[in-house]
Amino acid sequence: MSAESYVQEINSITIELKRINGRAKMLREQKKTAQKRLYNYMISNKIDKYEDITIQSITPKEKKLKKPKAQQKEEVIVLLSQAGARNPEQLYQHFISIQKGNNDKLPNEYDPYLGF
């Protein structure tokens, strides 16, 4: 096979995946709508289980709101300072670098396990 045929195959697979993902999204939305309707029906008729679906399994779940990154950072730094870290800002930056996969040592031989 030539490079051109590989590129065409990759492009056709990408297009097909986008089509499948779009269809799956539409089906998930239809499922959610049907579950809401069944939930309301089961509540109004005081039914706990219908065939293999229980009311607990289709109870609508509350979405949890995510805090803004600035607020998260502020709260973590306050927590670190309350825990006794000498330089909570530097410790926070090291924590973030670890999460991103950058495990370089900080200046002054900072040991994250000892906190100093």
PDB file of N, CA and C in Angstrom:
ATOM      1  N   MET A   1       0.849  -1.190   0.000  1.00  0.00           N
ATOM      2  CA  MET A   1       0.000   0.000   0.000  1.00  0.00           C
ATOM      3  C   MET A   1       0.890   1.248   0.000  1.00  0.00           C
ATOM      4  N   SER A   2       0.375   2.271  -0.621  1.00  0.00           N
ATOM      5  CA  SER A   2       1.117   3.523  -0.659  1.00  0.00           C
ATOM      6  C   SER A   2       0.669   4.439   0.477  1.00  0.00           C
ATOM      7  N   ALA A   3       1.427   5.481   0.676  1.00  0.00           N
ATOM      8  CA  ALA A   3       1.093   6.442   1.729  1.00  0.00           C
ATOM      9  C   ALA A   3      -0.258   7.082   1.460  1.00  0.00           C
ATOM     10  N   GLU A   4      -0.573   7.308   0.183  1.00  0.00           N
ATOM     11  CA  GLU A   4      -1.852   7.934  -0.165  1.00  0.00           C
ATOM     12  C   GLU A   4      -3.029   7.045   0.241  1.00  0.00           C
ATOM     13  N   SER A   5      -2.887   5.739   0.059  1.00  0.00           N
ATOM     14  CA  SER A   5      -3.977   4.838   0.438  1.00  0.00           C
ATOM     15  C   SER A   5      -4.141   4.782   1.958  1.00  0.00           C
ATOM     16  N   TYR A   6      -3.032   4.883   2.703  1.00  0.00           N
ATOM     17  CA  TYR A   6      -3.121   4.922   4.161  1.00  0.00           C
ATOM     18  C   TYR A   6      -3.866   6.181   4.628  1.00  0.00           C
ATOM     19  N   VAL A   7      -3.537   7.302   3.992  1.00  0.00           N
ATOM     20  CA  VAL A   7      -4.191   8.560   4.346  1.00  0.00           C
ATOM     21  C   VAL A   7      -5.679   8.484   4.046  1.00  0.00           C
ATOM     22  N   GLN A   8      -6.035   7.905   2.900  1.00  0.00           N
ATOM     23  CA  GLN A   8      -7.452   7.758   2.555  1.00  0.00           C
ATOM     24  C   GLN A   8      -8.168   6.855   3.556  1.00  0.00           C
ATOM     25  N   GLU A   9      -7.507   5.782   3.973  1.00  0.00           N
ATOM     26  CA  GLU A   9      -8.106   4.876   4.959  1.00  0.00           C
ATOM     27  C   GLU A   9      -8.310   5.588   6.292  1.00  0.00           C
ATOM     28  N   ILE A  10      -7.306   6.342   6.730  1.00  0.00           N
ATOM     29  CA  ILE A  10      -7.418   7.088   7.986  1.00  0.00           C
ATOM     30  C   ILE A  10      -8.552   8.092   7.914  1.00  0.00           C
ATOM     31  N   ASN A  11      -8.634   8.812   6.807  1.00  0.00           N
ATOM     32  CA  ASN A  11      -9.702   9.802   6.643  1.00  0.00           C
ATOM     33  C   ASN A  11     -11.083   9.155   6.621  1.00  0.00           C
ATOM     34  N   SER A  12     -11.226   8.024   5.941  1.00  0.00           N
ATOM     35  CA  SER A  12     -12.538   7.366   5.895  1.00  0.00           C
ATOM     36  C   SER A  12     -12.926   6.825   7.268  1.00  0.00           C
ATOM     37  N   ILE A  13     -11.944   6.317   8.023  1.00  0.00           N
ATOM     38  CA  ILE A  13     -12.231   5.832   9.378  1.00  0.00           C
ATOM     39  C   ILE A  13     -12.628   6.995  10.278  1.00  0.00           C
ATOM     40  N   THR A  14     -11.947   8.119  10.154  1.00  0.00           N
ATOM     41  CA  THR A  14     -12.272   9.301  10.952  1.00  0.00           C
ATOM     42  C   THR A  14     -13.694   9.768  10.666  1.00  0.00           C
ATOM     43  N   ILE A  15     -14.064   9.815   9.402  1.00  0.00           N
ATOM     44  CA  ILE A  15     -15.424  10.227   9.014  1.00  0.00           C
ATOM     45  C   ILE A  15     -16.456   9.260   9.580  1.00  0.00           C
ATOM     46  N   GLU A  16     -16.186   7.962   9.489  1.00  0.00           N
ATOM     47  CA  GLU A  16     -17.124   6.956  10.004  1.00  0.00           C
ATOM     48  C   GLU A  16     -17.266   7.053  11.520  1.00  0.00           C
ATOM     49  N   LEU A  17     -16.150   7.280  12.223  1.00  0.00           N
ATOM     50  CA  LEU A  17     -16.215   7.432  13.676  1.00  0.00           C
ATOM     51  C   LEU A  17     -17.044   8.648  14.068  1.00  0.00           C
ATOM     52  N   LYS A  18     -16.903   9.743  13.338  1.00  0.00           N
ATOM     53  CA  LYS A  18     -17.701  10.935  13.618  1.00  0.00           C
ATOM     54  C   LYS A  18     -19.179  10.646  13.407  1.00  0.00           C
ATOM     55  N   ARG A  19     -19.500   9.898  12.361  1.00  0.00           N
ATOM     56  CA  ARG A  19     -20.893   9.552  12.085  1.00  0.00           C
ATOM     57  C   ARG A  19     -21.458   8.670  13.197  1.00  0.00           C
ATOM     58  N   ILE A  20     -20.678   7.682  13.610  1.00  0.00           N
ATOM     59  CA  ILE A  20     -21.124   6.770  14.673  1.00  0.00           C
ATOM     60  C   ILE A  20     -21.295   7.527  15.985  1.00  0.00           C
ATOM     61  N   ASN A  21     -20.355   8.414  16.323  1.00  0.00           N
ATOM     62  CA  ASN A  21     -20.448   9.187  17.559  1.00  0.00           C
ATOM     63  C   ASN A  21     -21.671  10.097  17.551  1.00  0.00           C
ATOM     64  N   GLY A  22     -21.970  10.698  16.406  1.00  0.00           N
ATOM     65  CA  GLY A  22     -23.165  11.540  16.298  1.00  0.00           C
ATOM     66  C   GLY A  22     -24.426  10.742  16.527  1.00  0.00           C
ATOM     67  N   ARG A  23     -24.487   9.563  15.937  1.00  0.00           N
ATOM     68  CA  ARG A  23     -25.660   8.688  16.108  1.00  0.00           C
ATOM     69  C   ARG A  23     -25.775   8.222  17.563  1.00  0.00           C
ATOM     70  N   ALA A  24     -24.644   7.872  18.189  1.00  0.00           N
ATOM     71  CA  ALA A  24     -24.651   7.426  19.587  1.00  0.00           C
ATOM     72  C   ALA A  24     -25.132   8.548  20.499  1.00  0.00           C
ATOM     73  N   LYS A  25     -24.716   9.780  20.216  1.00  0.00           N
ATOM     74  CA  LYS A  25     -25.158  10.918  21.027  1.00  0.00           C
ATOM     75  C   LYS A  25     -26.668  11.082  20.932  1.00  0.00           C
ATOM     76  N   MET A  26     -27.194  10.974  19.731  1.00  0.00           N
ATOM     77  CA  MET A  26     -28.637  11.106  19.537  1.00  0.00           C
ATOM     78  C   MET A  26     -29.381   9.990  20.278  1.00  0.00           C
ATOM     79  N   LEU A  27     -28.854   8.760  20.223  1.00  0.00           N
ATOM     80  CA  LEU A  27     -29.494   7.638  20.918  1.00  0.00           C
ATOM     81  C   LEU A  27     -29.440   7.808  22.432  1.00  0.00           C
ATOM     82  N   ARG A  28     -28.331   8.328  22.967  1.00  0.00           N
ATOM     83  CA  ARG A  28     -28.239   8.578  24.412  1.00  0.00           C
ATOM     84  C   ARG A  28     -29.271   9.608  24.857  1.00  0.00           C
ATOM     85  N   GLU A  29     -29.471  10.635  24.048  1.00  0.00           N
ATOM     86  CA  GLU A  29     -30.472  11.656  24.374  1.00  0.00           C
ATOM     87  C   GLU A  29     -31.881  11.061  24.345  1.00  0.00           C
ATOM     88  N   GLN A  30     -32.173  10.205  23.349  1.00  0.00           N
ATOM     89  CA  GLN A  30     -33.473   9.546  23.286  1.00  0.00           C
ATOM     90  C   GLN A  30     -33.686   8.631  24.487  1.00  0.00           C
ATOM     91  N   LYS A  31     -32.641   7.928  24.884  1.00  0.00           N
ATOM     92  CA  LYS A  31     -32.720   7.044  26.054  1.00  0.00           C
ATOM     93  C   LYS A  31     -33.019   7.856  27.309  1.00  0.00           C
ATOM     94  N   LYS A  32     -32.333   8.986  27.461  1.00  0.00           N
ATOM     95  CA  LYS A  32     -32.537   9.832  28.626  1.00  0.00           C
ATOM     96  C   LYS A  32     -33.973  10.351  28.678  1.00  0.00           C
ATOM     97  N   THR A  33     -34.505  10.750  27.531  1.00  0.00           N
ATOM     98  CA  THR A  33     -35.886  11.233  27.456  1.00  0.00           C
ATOM     99  C   THR A  33     -36.865  10.121  27.833  1.00  0.00           C
ATOM    100  N   ALA A  34     -36.637   8.922  27.301  1.00  0.00           N
ATOM    101  CA  ALA A  34     -37.513   7.795  27.613  1.00  0.00           C
ATOM    102  C   ALA A  34     -37.438   7.443  29.095  1.00  0.00           C
ATOM    103  N   GLN A  35     -36.245   7.526  29.680  1.00  0.00           N
ATOM    104  CA  GLN A  35     -36.099   7.241  31.101  1.00  0.00           C
ATOM    105  C   GLN A  35     -36.846   8.265  31.947  1.00  0.00           C
ATOM    106  N   LYS A  36     -36.782   9.536  31.554  1.00  0.00           N
ATOM    107  CA  LYS A  36     -37.525  10.566  32.290  1.00  0.00           C
ATOM    108  C   LYS A  36     -39.021  10.300  32.236  1.00  0.00           C
ATOM    109  N   ARG A  37     -39.517   9.930  31.064  1.00  0.00           N
ATOM    110  CA  ARG A  37     -40.959   9.646  30.915  1.00  0.00           C
ATOM    111  C   ARG A  37     -41.360   8.435  31.743  1.00  0.00           C
ATOM    112  N   LEU A  38     -40.540   7.372  31.703  1.00  0.00           N
ATOM    113  CA  LEU A  38     -40.836   6.177  32.491  1.00  0.00           C
ATOM    114  C   LEU A  38     -40.775   6.487  33.978  1.00  0.00           C
ATOM    115  N   TYR A  39     -39.806   7.298  34.383  1.00  0.00           N
ATOM    116  CA  TYR A  39     -39.680   7.686  35.786  1.00  0.00           C
ATOM    117  C   TYR A  39     -40.948   8.406  36.249  1.00  0.00           C
ATOM    118  N   ASN A  40     -41.398   9.378  35.465  1.00  0.00           N
ATOM    119  CA  ASN A  40     -42.621  10.117  35.815  1.00  0.00           C
ATOM    120  C   ASN A  40     -43.833   9.185  35.863  1.00  0.00           C
ATOM    121  N   TYR A  41     -43.916   8.245  34.930  1.00  0.00           N
ATOM    122  CA  TYR A  41     -45.009   7.275  34.921  1.00  0.00           C
ATOM    123  C   TYR A  41     -44.972   6.402  36.172  1.00  0.00           C
ATOM    124  N   MET A  42     -43.766   5.934  36.523  1.00  0.00           N
ATOM    125  CA  MET A  42     -43.639   5.056  37.686  1.00  0.00           C
ATOM    126  C   MET A  42     -43.944   5.810  38.981  1.00  0.00           C
ATOM    127  N   ILE A  43     -43.557   7.069  39.059  1.00  0.00           N
ATOM    128  CA  ILE A  43     -43.864   7.873  40.252  1.00  0.00           C
ATOM    129  C   ILE A  43     -45.368   8.095  40.362  1.00  0.00           C
ATOM    130  N   SER A  44     -45.996   8.467  39.254  1.00  0.00           N
ATOM    131  CA  SER A  44     -47.427   8.769  39.305  1.00  0.00           C
ATOM    132  C   SER A  44     -48.270   7.534  39.595  1.00  0.00           C
ATOM    133  N   ASN A  45     -47.816   6.355  39.174  1.00  0.00           N
ATOM    134  CA  ASN A  45     -48.566   5.126  39.411  1.00  0.00           C
ATOM    135  C   ASN A  45     -48.022   4.308  40.575  1.00  0.00           C
ATOM    136  N   LYS A  46     -47.049   4.863  41.302  1.00  0.00           N
ATOM    137  CA  LYS A  46     -46.461   4.226  42.483  1.00  0.00           C
ATOM    138  C   LYS A  46     -45.942   2.816  42.170  1.00  0.00           C
ATOM    139  N   ILE A  47     -45.135   2.734  41.118  1.00  0.00           N
ATOM    140  CA  ILE A  47     -44.539   1.469  40.706  1.00  0.00           C
ATOM    141  C   ILE A  47     -43.044   1.533  41.036  1.00  0.00           C
ATOM    142  N   ASP A  48     -42.533   0.495  41.710  1.00  0.00           N
ATOM    143  CA  ASP A  48     -41.109   0.470  42.058  1.00  0.00           C
ATOM    144  C   ASP A  48     -40.274  -0.238  41.001  1.00  0.00           C
ATOM    145  N   LYS A  49     -40.875  -1.201  40.304  1.00  0.00           N
ATOM    146  CA  LYS A  49     -40.127  -1.959  39.317  1.00  0.00           C
ATOM    147  C   LYS A  49     -41.046  -2.322  38.159  1.00  0.00           C
ATOM    148  N   TYR A  50     -40.543  -2.160  36.951  1.00  0.00           N
ATOM    149  CA  TYR A  50     -41.284  -2.553  35.764  1.00  0.00           C
ATOM    150  C   TYR A  50     -40.343  -3.385  34.914  1.00  0.00           C
ATOM    151  N   GLU A  51     -40.697  -4.644  34.703  1.00  0.00           N
ATOM    152  CA  GLU A  51     -39.830  -5.626  34.057  1.00  0.00           C
ATOM    153  C   GLU A  51     -38.487  -5.640  34.780  1.00  0.00           C
ATOM    154  N   ASP A  52     -37.397  -5.297  34.114  1.00  0.00           N
ATOM    155  CA  ASP A  52     -36.095  -5.345  34.786  1.00  0.00           C
ATOM    156  C   ASP A  52     -35.569  -3.952  35.133  1.00  0.00           C
ATOM    157  N   ILE A  53     -36.415  -2.936  35.060  1.00  0.00           N
ATOM    158  CA  ILE A  53     -35.999  -1.564  35.350  1.00  0.00           C
ATOM    159  C   ILE A  53     -36.596  -1.133  36.688  1.00  0.00           C
ATOM    160  N   THR A  54     -35.721  -0.731  37.602  1.00  0.00           N
ATOM    161  CA  THR A  54     -36.188  -0.232  38.890  1.00  0.00           C
ATOM    162  C   THR A  54     -36.210   1.287  38.860  1.00  0.00           C
ATOM    163  N   ILE A  55     -36.983   1.867  39.749  1.00  0.00           N
ATOM    164  CA  ILE A  55     -37.086   3.327  39.788  1.00  0.00           C
ATOM    165  C   ILE A  55     -35.759   3.950  40.212  1.00  0.00           C
ATOM    166  N   GLN A  56     -34.984   3.231  41.046  1.00  0.00           N
ATOM    167  CA  GLN A  56     -33.689   3.756  41.467  1.00  0.00           C
ATOM    168  C   GLN A  56     -32.716   3.847  40.293  1.00  0.00           C
ATOM    169  N   SER A  57     -32.827   2.914  39.340  1.00  0.00           N
ATOM    170  CA  SER A  57     -31.883   2.910  38.223  1.00  0.00           C
ATOM    171  C   SER A  57     -32.145   4.027  37.224  1.00  0.00           C
ATOM    172  N   ILE A  58     -33.355   4.582  37.207  1.00  0.00           N
ATOM    173  CA  ILE A  58     -33.665   5.644  36.237  1.00  0.00           C
ATOM    174  C   ILE A  58     -33.945   6.980  36.907  1.00  0.00           C
ATOM    175  N   THR A  59     -33.721   7.068  38.207  1.00  0.00           N
ATOM    176  CA  THR A  59     -33.922   8.338  38.905  1.00  0.00           C
ATOM    177  C   THR A  59     -32.967   9.378  38.323  1.00  0.00           C
ATOM    178  N   PRO A  60     -33.474  10.532  37.900  1.00  0.00           N
ATOM    179  CA  PRO A  60     -32.591  11.567  37.341  1.00  0.00           C
ATOM    180  C   PRO A  60     -31.556  12.014  38.369  1.00  0.00           C
ATOM    181  N   LYS A  61     -30.327  12.103  37.917  1.00  0.00           N
ATOM    182  CA  LYS A  61     -29.239  12.482  38.811  1.00  0.00           C
ATOM    183  C   LYS A  61     -28.926  13.956  38.653  1.00  0.00           C
ATOM    184  N   GLU A  62     -28.616  14.576  39.776  1.00  0.00           N
ATOM    185  CA  GLU A  62     -28.305  15.993  39.797  1.00  0.00           C
ATOM    186  C   GLU A  62     -26.888  16.201  39.277  1.00  0.00           C
ATOM    187  N   LYS A  63     -26.710  17.155  38.370  1.00  0.00           N
ATOM    188  CA  LYS A  63     -25.379  17.454  37.864  1.00  0.00           C
ATOM    189  C   LYS A  63     -24.604  18.250  38.904  1.00  0.00           C
ATOM    190  N   LYS A  64     -23.366  17.840  39.126  1.00  0.00           N
ATOM    191  CA  LYS A  64     -22.516  18.556  40.061  1.00  0.00           C
ATOM    192  C   LYS A  64     -21.767  19.632  39.287  1.00  0.00           C
ATOM    193  N   LEU A  65     -21.804  20.837  39.816  1.00  0.00           N
ATOM    194  CA  LEU A  65     -21.112  21.934  39.172  1.00  0.00           C
ATOM    195  C   LEU A  65     -19.641  21.910  39.554  1.00  0.00           C
ATOM    196  N   LYS A  66     -18.788  22.180  38.590  1.00  0.00           N
ATOM    197  CA  LYS A  66     -17.348  22.195  38.834  1.00  0.00           C
ATOM    198  C   LYS A  66     -16.916  23.607  39.188  1.00  0.00           C
ATOM    199  N   LYS A  67     -16.050  23.707  40.190  1.00  0.00           N
ATOM    200  CA  LYS A  67     -15.544  25.012  40.609  1.00  0.00           C
ATOM    201  C   LYS A  67     -14.590  25.538  39.551  1.00  0.00           C
ATOM    202  N   PRO A  68     -14.532  26.853  39.400  1.00  0.00           N
ATOM    203  CA  PRO A  68     -13.550  27.427  38.478  1.00  0.00           C
ATOM    204  C   PRO A  68     -12.129  27.124  38.955  1.00  0.00           C
ATOM    205  N   LYS A  69     -11.193  27.027  38.005  1.00  0.00           N
ATOM    206  CA  LYS A  69      -9.812  26.678  38.346  1.00  0.00           C
ATOM    207  C   LYS A  69      -9.188  27.654  39.329  1.00  0.00           C
ATOM    208  N   ALA A  70      -9.502  28.938  39.187  1.00  0.00           N
ATOM    209  CA  ALA A  70      -8.936  29.932  40.107  1.00  0.00           C
ATOM    210  C   ALA A  70      -9.399  29.669  41.538  1.00  0.00           C
ATOM    211  N   GLN A  71     -10.672  29.318  41.706  1.00  0.00           N
ATOM    212  CA  GLN A  71     -11.201  29.031  43.039  1.00  0.00           C
ATOM    213  C   GLN A  71     -10.596  27.736  43.585  1.00  0.00           C
ATOM    214  N   GLN A  72     -10.430  26.735  42.723  1.00  0.00           N
ATOM    215  CA  GLN A  72      -9.800  25.486  43.154  1.00  0.00           C
ATOM    216  C   GLN A  72      -8.388  25.748  43.660  1.00  0.00           C
ATOM    217  N   LYS A  73      -7.627  26.528  42.887  1.00  0.00           N
ATOM    218  CA  LYS A  73      -6.253  26.829  43.259  1.00  0.00           C
ATOM    219  C   LYS A  73      -6.205  27.553  44.590  1.00  0.00           C
ATOM    220  N   GLU A  74      -7.063  28.545  44.757  1.00  0.00           N
ATOM    221  CA  GLU A  74      -7.098  29.324  45.995  1.00  0.00           C
ATOM    222  C   GLU A  74      -7.392  28.437  47.197  1.00  0.00           C
ATOM    223  N   GLU A  75      -8.378  27.529  47.065  1.00  0.00           N
ATOM    224  CA  GLU A  75      -8.751  26.661  48.176  1.00  0.00           C
ATOM    225  C   GLU A  75      -7.641  25.666  48.505  1.00  0.00           C
ATOM    226  N   VAL A  76      -6.941  25.161  47.485  1.00  0.00           N
ATOM    227  CA  VAL A  76      -5.848  24.228  47.738  1.00  0.00           C
ATOM    228  C   VAL A  76      -4.708  24.929  48.459  1.00  0.00           C
ATOM    229  N   ILE A  77      -4.398  26.146  48.045  1.00  0.00           N
ATOM    230  CA  ILE A  77      -3.314  26.887  48.693  1.00  0.00           C
ATOM    231  C   ILE A  77      -3.665  27.187  50.147  1.00  0.00           C
ATOM    232  N   VAL A  78      -4.916  27.541  50.418  1.00  0.00           N
ATOM    233  CA  VAL A  78      -5.346  27.770  51.805  1.00  0.00           C
ATOM    234  C   VAL A  78      -5.218  26.484  52.611  1.00  0.00           C
ATOM    235  N   LEU A  79      -5.626  25.361  52.025  1.00  0.00           N
ATOM    236  CA  LEU A  79      -5.532  24.074  52.711  1.00  0.00           C
ATOM    237  C   LEU A  79      -4.082  23.720  53.012  1.00  0.00           C
ATOM    238  N   LEU A  80      -3.209  23.936  52.047  1.00  0.00           N
ATOM    239  CA  LEU A  80      -1.788  23.625  52.260  1.00  0.00           C
ATOM    240  C   LEU A  80      -1.179  24.513  53.335  1.00  0.00           C
ATOM    241  N   SER A  81      -1.559  25.784  53.351  1.00  0.00           N
ATOM    242  CA  SER A  81      -1.015  26.673  54.380  1.00  0.00           C
ATOM    243  C   SER A  81      -1.549  26.298  55.760  1.00  0.00           C
ATOM    244  N   GLN A  82      -2.803  25.858  55.837  1.00  0.00           N
ATOM    245  CA  GLN A  82      -3.369  25.412  57.112  1.00  0.00           C
ATOM    246  C   GLN A  82      -2.703  24.123  57.582  1.00  0.00           C
ATOM    247  N   ALA A  83      -2.235  23.307  56.628  1.00  0.00           N
ATOM    248  CA  ALA A  83      -1.572  22.054  56.981  1.00  0.00           C
ATOM    249  C   ALA A  83      -0.134  22.280  57.416  1.00  0.00           C
ATOM    250  N   GLY A  84       0.354  23.512  57.241  1.00  0.00           N
ATOM    251  CA  GLY A  84       1.681  23.836  57.743  1.00  0.00           C
ATOM    252  C   GLY A  84       2.775  23.869  56.699  1.00  0.00           C
ATOM    253  N   ALA A  85       2.414  23.876  55.421  1.00  0.00           N
ATOM    254  CA  ALA A  85       3.438  23.955  54.380  1.00  0.00           C
ATOM    255  C   ALA A  85       4.090  25.333  54.420  1.00  0.00           C
ATOM    256  N   ARG A  86       5.416  25.359  54.316  1.00  0.00           N
ATOM    257  CA  ARG A  86       6.127  26.639  54.388  1.00  0.00           C
ATOM    258  C   ARG A  86       5.876  27.497  53.156  1.00  0.00           C
ATOM    259  N   ASN A  87       5.783  26.870  51.995  1.00  0.00           N
ATOM    260  CA  ASN A  87       5.558  27.608  50.763  1.00  0.00           C
ATOM    261  C   ASN A  87       4.423  26.924  49.991  1.00  0.00           C
ATOM    262  N   PRO A  88       3.174  27.207  50.349  1.00  0.00           N
ATOM    263  CA  PRO A  88       2.057  26.491  49.731  1.00  0.00           C
ATOM    264  C   PRO A  88       1.930  26.742  48.224  1.00  0.00           C
ATOM    265  N   GLU A  89       2.295  27.928  47.760  1.00  0.00           N
ATOM    266  CA  GLU A  89       2.215  28.236  46.325  1.00  0.00           C
ATOM    267  C   GLU A  89       3.166  27.336  45.535  1.00  0.00           C
ATOM    268  N   GLN A  90       4.388  27.184  46.035  1.00  0.00           N
ATOM    269  CA  GLN A  90       5.374  26.341  45.370  1.00  0.00           C
ATOM    270  C   GLN A  90       4.950  24.876  45.426  1.00  0.00           C
ATOM    271  N   LEU A  91       4.422  24.448  46.548  1.00  0.00           N
ATOM    272  CA  LEU A  91       3.936  23.076  46.687  1.00  0.00           C
ATOM    273  C   LEU A  91       2.790  22.819  45.716  1.00  0.00           C
ATOM    274  N   TYR A  92       1.893  23.792  45.563  1.00  0.00           N
ATOM    275  CA  TYR A  92       0.784  23.652  44.620  1.00  0.00           C
ATOM    276  C   TYR A  92       1.310  23.516  43.186  1.00  0.00           C
ATOM    277  N   GLN A  93       2.279  24.362  42.822  1.00  0.00           N
ATOM    278  CA  GLN A  93       2.846  24.296  41.471  1.00  0.00           C
ATOM    279  C   GLN A  93       3.503  22.939  41.230  1.00  0.00           C
ATOM    280  N   HIS A  94       4.167  22.403  42.245  1.00  0.00           N
ATOM    281  CA  HIS A  94       4.785  21.080  42.120  1.00  0.00           C
ATOM    282  C   HIS A  94       3.704  20.005  41.950  1.00  0.00           C
ATOM    283  N   PHE A  95       2.652  20.110  42.700  1.00  0.00           N
ATOM    284  CA  PHE A  95       1.535  19.172  42.584  1.00  0.00           C
ATOM    285  C   PHE A  95       0.961  19.181  41.178  1.00  0.00           C
ATOM    286  N   ILE A  96       0.758  20.370  40.616  1.00  0.00           N
ATOM    287  CA  ILE A  96       0.215  20.490  39.261  1.00  0.00           C
ATOM    288  C   ILE A  96       1.185  19.884  38.248  1.00  0.00           C
ATOM    289  N   SER A  97       2.485  20.129  38.430  1.00  0.00           N
ATOM    290  CA  SER A  97       3.464  19.579  37.490  1.00  0.00           C
ATOM    291  C   SER A  97       3.486  18.050  37.555  1.00  0.00           C
ATOM    292  N   ILE A  98       3.279  17.483  38.741  1.00  0.00           N
ATOM    293  CA  ILE A  98       3.224  16.029  38.874  1.00  0.00           C
ATOM    294  C   ILE A  98       2.012  15.489  38.135  1.00  0.00           C
ATOM    295  N   GLN A  99       0.873  16.162  38.252  1.00  0.00           N
ATOM    296  CA  GLN A  99      -0.329  15.706  37.564  1.00  0.00           C
ATOM    297  C   GLN A  99      -0.151  15.738  36.054  1.00  0.00           C
ATOM    298  N   LYS A 100       0.626  16.687  35.565  1.00  0.00           N
ATOM    299  CA  LYS A 100       0.849  16.810  34.129  1.00  0.00           C
ATOM    300  C   LYS A 100       1.945  15.871  33.648  1.00  0.00           C
ATOM    301  N   GLY A 101       2.628  15.191  34.555  1.00  0.00           N
ATOM    302  CA  GLY A 101       3.652  14.236  34.182  1.00  0.00           C
ATOM    303  C   GLY A 101       5.054  14.807  34.180  1.00  0.00           C
ATOM    304  N   ASN A 102       5.244  16.005  34.716  1.00  0.00           N
ATOM    305  CA  ASN A 102       6.562  16.617  34.798  1.00  0.00           C
ATOM    306  C   ASN A 102       7.079  16.406  36.211  1.00  0.00           C
ATOM    307  N   ASN A 103       7.937  15.422  36.404  1.00  0.00           N
ATOM    308  CA  ASN A 103       8.400  15.065  37.746  1.00  0.00           C
ATOM    309  C   ASN A 103       9.762  15.656  38.091  1.00  0.00           C
ATOM    310  N   ASP A 104      10.126  16.772  37.472  1.00  0.00           N
ATOM    311  CA  ASP A 104      11.404  17.407  37.770  1.00  0.00           C
ATOM    312  C   ASP A 104      11.407  17.922  39.197  1.00  0.00           C
ATOM    313  N   LYS A 105      12.592  17.892  39.818  1.00  0.00           N
ATOM    314  CA  LYS A 105      12.740  18.449  41.166  1.00  0.00           C
ATOM    315  C   LYS A 105      12.618  19.959  41.115  1.00  0.00           C
ATOM    316  N   LEU A 106      12.040  20.526  42.134  1.00  0.00           N
ATOM    317  CA  LEU A 106      11.954  21.974  42.235  1.00  0.00           C
ATOM    318  C   LEU A 106      13.278  22.526  42.735  1.00  0.00           C
ATOM    319  N   PRO A 107      13.525  23.817  42.542  1.00  0.00           N
ATOM    320  CA  PRO A 107      14.766  24.409  43.046  1.00  0.00           C
ATOM    321  C   PRO A 107      14.886  24.232  44.560  1.00  0.00           C
ATOM    322  N   ASN A 108      16.102  24.267  45.054  1.00  0.00           N
ATOM    323  CA  ASN A 108      16.417  24.146  46.484  1.00  0.00           C
ATOM    324  C   ASN A 108      16.107  22.751  47.011  1.00  0.00           C
ATOM    325  N   GLU A 109      16.138  21.747  46.126  1.00  0.00           N
ATOM    326  CA  GLU A 109      15.902  20.369  46.536  1.00  0.00           C
ATOM    327  C   GLU A 109      14.625  20.218  47.355  1.00  0.00           C
ATOM    328  N   TYR A 110      13.543  20.771  46.865  1.00  0.00           N
ATOM    329  CA  TYR A 110      12.245  20.685  47.542  1.00  0.00           C
ATOM    330  C   TYR A 110      11.784  19.237  47.553  1.00  0.00           C
ATOM    331  N   ASP A 111      11.462  18.711  48.714  1.00  0.00           N
ATOM    332  CA  ASP A 111      10.971  17.348  48.822  1.00  0.00           C
ATOM    333  C   ASP A 111       9.468  17.396  49.078  1.00  0.00           C
ATOM    334  N   PRO A 112       8.642  16.966  48.103  1.00  0.00           N
ATOM    335  CA  PRO A 112       7.198  17.065  48.264  1.00  0.00           C
ATOM    336  C   PRO A 112       6.661  16.168  49.385  1.00  0.00           C
ATOM    337  N   TYR A 113       7.399  15.115  49.725  1.00  0.00           N
ATOM    338  CA  TYR A 113       6.927  14.230  50.780  1.00  0.00           C
ATOM    339  C   TYR A 113       7.125  14.830  52.163  1.00  0.00           C
ATOM    340  N   LEU A 114       8.189  15.580  52.315  1.00  0.00           N
ATOM    341  CA  LEU A 114       8.453  16.212  53.604  1.00  0.00           C
ATOM    342  C   LEU A 114       7.807  17.581  53.710  1.00  0.00           C
ATOM    343  N   GLY A 115       7.501  18.194  52.581  1.00  0.00           N
ATOM    344  CA  GLY A 115       6.868  19.498  52.580  1.00  0.00           C
ATOM    345  C   GLY A 115       7.846  20.641  52.778  1.00  0.00           C
ATOM    346  N   PHE A 116       9.147  20.360  52.657  1.00  0.00           N
ATOM    347  CA  PHE A 116      10.156  21.420  52.762  1.00  0.00           C
ATOM    348  C   PHE A 116      11.390  21.031  51.986  1.00  0.00           C
TER     349      PHE A 116
END
